[in-house]
Amino acid sequence: MAKLSFYKVNALPGSPVADAVYFVANSGIAETYVTDSSGTAKQVGNSAMIEAKIAAALADHDETVVVADITARDALSPAKNLTVWVLDASDDGTVTSGAALYLYQETGDTWHKLAEAEAMDISGHSHSNLTQLDKVGEDGDGDLTYDSEPVVRFETADW
């Protein structure tokens, strides 16, 4: 079994180490990358895809408005492309609870949901890889373990 190394850095190195997780500070946000056995880094999640979709949707963006709920959003009469942050989007059947960001597209006279911030029931949350996640823990000193084995800790960039 390969040991997994963790790095906290300000930039992803040109030649990442194999079997590693990199936490990268990037202009006020943090990104996570995982490398395979050859050292090829893959970004965790799909933030690049989301950013591209939002950028394309907002290319003709004119204004952003914050409203209380879907009723307030639907009461708007936008005459141009508009983004609306709906604080309580629970009246949208695709949102369980929480807020959502919508784009009004003038050419189609339609609302498109771009993102949502749903409330999450932690006790009901599950993962397809729960067996692996359950192997992550800590020892008596509070140090990270995986499958009861200590995880090597590296001191890198201070952020």
Protein backbone atom coordinates (compact mmCIF):
# COMPACT_ATOMS: atom_id res chain seq x y z
CA MET A 1 0.00 0.00 0.00
CA ALA A 2 1.42 3.40 -1.00
CA LYS A 3 1.79 5.98 1.73
CA LEU A 4 0.04 9.27 1.12
CA SER A 5 1.97 12.53 1.65
CA PHE A 6 0.38 15.91 2.41
CA TYR A 7 1.77 19.32 1.39
CA LYS A 8 0.59 22.84 2.22
CA VAL A 9 2.08 25.20 -0.41
CA ASN A 10 1.52 28.54 -2.11
CA ALA A 11 1.81 27.08 -5.63
CA LEU A 12 1.53 23.59 -7.08
CA PRO A 13 5.09 22.45 -7.89
CA GLY A 14 6.12 21.84 -11.50
CA SER A 15 6.83 18.18 -10.70
CA PRO A 16 4.46 17.07 -7.92
CA VAL A 17 5.34 14.08 -5.76
CA ALA A 18 3.48 10.84 -6.49
CA ASP A 19 0.69 9.71 -4.14
CA ALA A 20 0.24 13.08 -2.47
CA VAL A 21 -2.37 15.66 -1.53
CA TYR A 22 -1.50 19.32 -2.07
CA PHE A 23 -3.36 22.15 -0.31
CA VAL A 24 -2.56 25.26 -2.37
CA ALA A 25 -3.19 28.84 -1.18
CA ASN A 26 -4.27 30.76 -4.26
CA SER A 27 -5.28 34.44 -4.07
CA GLY A 28 -7.45 34.18 -0.96
CA ILE A 29 -8.85 30.72 -1.74
CA ALA A 30 -7.46 27.23 -1.18
CA GLU A 31 -7.41 24.54 -3.84
CA THR A 32 -6.82 20.83 -3.34
CA TYR A 33 -4.97 18.53 -5.72
CA VAL A 34 -4.37 14.77 -5.53
CA THR A 35 -1.53 13.06 -7.42
CA ASP A 36 -1.58 9.54 -8.79
CA SER A 37 1.30 7.04 -8.65
CA SER A 38 3.06 8.84 -11.53
CA GLY A 39 2.82 12.27 -9.87
CA THR A 40 0.11 13.61 -12.19
CA ALA A 41 -1.95 16.17 -10.25
CA LYS A 42 -5.72 16.35 -10.55
CA GLN A 43 -7.78 19.10 -8.98
CA VAL A 44 -10.31 17.89 -6.42
CA GLY A 45 -13.88 18.83 -7.31
CA ASN A 46 -14.90 20.57 -10.48
CA SER A 47 -14.16 24.22 -9.72
CA ALA A 48 -12.59 24.83 -13.15
CA MET A 49 -15.75 23.60 -14.89
CA ILE A 50 -17.97 25.67 -12.59
CA GLU A 51 -15.84 28.79 -13.10
CA ALA A 52 -15.97 28.35 -16.90
CA LYS A 53 -19.76 27.90 -16.88
CA ILE A 54 -20.29 30.94 -14.68
CA ALA A 55 -17.88 33.04 -16.76
CA ALA A 56 -19.73 32.09 -19.96
CA ALA A 57 -23.12 32.78 -18.38
CA LEU A 58 -21.98 36.14 -17.07
CA ALA A 59 -20.32 37.28 -20.31
CA ASP A 60 -23.25 39.66 -20.99
CA HIS A 61 -23.96 40.27 -17.31
CA ASP A 62 -25.22 43.71 -16.38
CA GLU A 63 -26.15 43.66 -12.67
CA THR A 64 -26.51 41.51 -9.52
CA VAL A 65 -29.46 41.78 -7.12
CA VAL A 66 -30.15 40.08 -3.77
CA VAL A 67 -33.77 39.14 -2.99
CA ALA A 68 -35.49 37.30 -0.14
CA ASP A 69 -37.15 34.45 -2.06
CA ILE A 70 -38.29 33.05 -5.41
CA THR A 71 -41.48 35.14 -5.33
CA ALA A 72 -39.36 38.32 -5.10
CA ARG A 73 -37.14 37.04 -7.94
CA ASP A 74 -40.16 36.34 -10.16
CA ALA A 75 -41.59 39.79 -9.38
CA LEU A 76 -38.54 41.43 -10.98
CA SER A 77 -39.00 42.78 -14.49
CA PRO A 78 -35.45 42.73 -15.82
CA ALA A 79 -34.92 44.47 -19.13
CA LYS A 80 -31.36 43.14 -19.37
CA ASN A 81 -29.24 40.19 -18.31
CA LEU A 82 -29.25 39.98 -14.52
CA THR A 83 -27.92 37.72 -11.77
CA VAL A 84 -30.02 37.31 -8.64
CA TRP A 85 -28.93 35.79 -5.33
CA VAL A 86 -32.09 34.34 -3.76
CA LEU A 87 -31.63 33.98 0.01
CA ASP A 88 -34.43 31.42 0.43
CA ALA A 89 -34.75 29.41 -2.78
CA SER A 90 -36.76 26.56 -1.24
CA ASP A 91 -39.71 27.32 -3.56
CA ASP A 92 -37.52 26.16 -6.46
CA GLY A 93 -38.21 22.42 -6.77
CA THR A 94 -34.53 21.74 -7.54
CA VAL A 95 -33.38 23.29 -4.23
CA THR A 96 -34.02 21.43 -0.98
CA SER A 97 -33.22 24.39 1.27
CA GLY A 98 -30.91 27.37 1.32
CA ALA A 99 -29.89 30.01 -1.18
CA ALA A 100 -29.29 29.91 -4.93
CA LEU A 101 -27.78 32.11 -7.62
CA TYR A 102 -29.79 32.60 -10.82
CA LEU A 103 -29.09 34.25 -14.16
CA TYR A 104 -31.90 35.92 -16.07
CA GLN A 105 -31.23 35.57 -19.79
CA GLU A 106 -32.87 38.40 -21.65
CA THR A 107 -32.81 36.69 -25.05
CA GLY A 108 -34.78 33.68 -23.82
CA ASP A 109 -36.75 35.43 -21.05
CA THR A 110 -35.70 32.61 -18.71
CA TRP A 111 -34.03 32.04 -15.33
CA HIS A 112 -31.08 29.64 -15.09
CA LYS A 113 -29.81 28.34 -11.75
CA LEU A 114 -26.02 28.74 -11.61
CA ALA A 115 -25.25 27.58 -8.07
CA GLU A 116 -26.88 26.81 -4.78
CA ALA A 117 -25.89 26.80 -1.13
CA GLU A 118 -28.08 24.11 0.35
CA ALA A 119 -28.30 23.29 4.02
CA MET A 120 -26.74 19.89 4.61
CA ASP A 121 -27.92 17.30 7.08
CA ILE A 122 -24.53 16.04 8.27
CA SER A 123 -25.96 12.97 10.01
CA GLY A 124 -27.61 11.88 6.76
CA HIS A 125 -24.65 12.64 4.53
CA SER A 126 -22.88 9.63 3.00
CA HIS A 127 -20.10 8.96 0.52
CA SER A 128 -19.53 6.15 -1.95
CA ASN A 129 -16.02 5.85 -0.52
CA LEU A 130 -17.12 5.87 3.15
CA THR A 131 -15.04 2.76 3.86
CA GLN A 132 -11.88 4.68 2.94
CA LEU A 133 -12.96 7.84 4.77
CA ASP A 134 -13.58 5.80 7.92
CA LYS A 135 -9.88 4.83 7.88
CA VAL A 136 -8.88 8.47 8.53
CA GLY A 137 -8.45 9.19 12.21
CA GLU A 138 -6.07 10.50 14.83
CA ASP A 139 -3.79 8.99 17.44
CA GLY A 140 -3.62 9.82 21.16
CA ASP A 141 -1.53 12.95 20.41
CA GLY A 142 -4.07 14.26 17.89
CA ASP A 143 -1.85 13.40 14.88
CA LEU A 144 -3.50 12.28 11.64
CA THR A 145 -3.65 8.54 10.91
CA TYR A 146 -4.82 6.44 7.98
CA ASP A 147 -5.82 2.83 8.63
CA SER A 148 -4.32 3.27 12.14
CA GLU A 149 -0.91 4.16 10.64
CA PRO A 150 0.64 7.62 11.21
CA VAL A 151 0.52 10.00 8.26
CA VAL A 152 3.86 11.68 7.57
CA ARG A 153 3.62 15.39 8.25
CA PHE A 154 5.60 17.92 6.22
CA GLU A 155 6.16 21.52 7.23
CA THR A 156 5.91 23.73 4.15
CA ALA A 157 4.60 27.20 3.34
CA ASP A 158 3.14 29.07 6.31
CA TRP A 159 -0.36 30.20 5.27
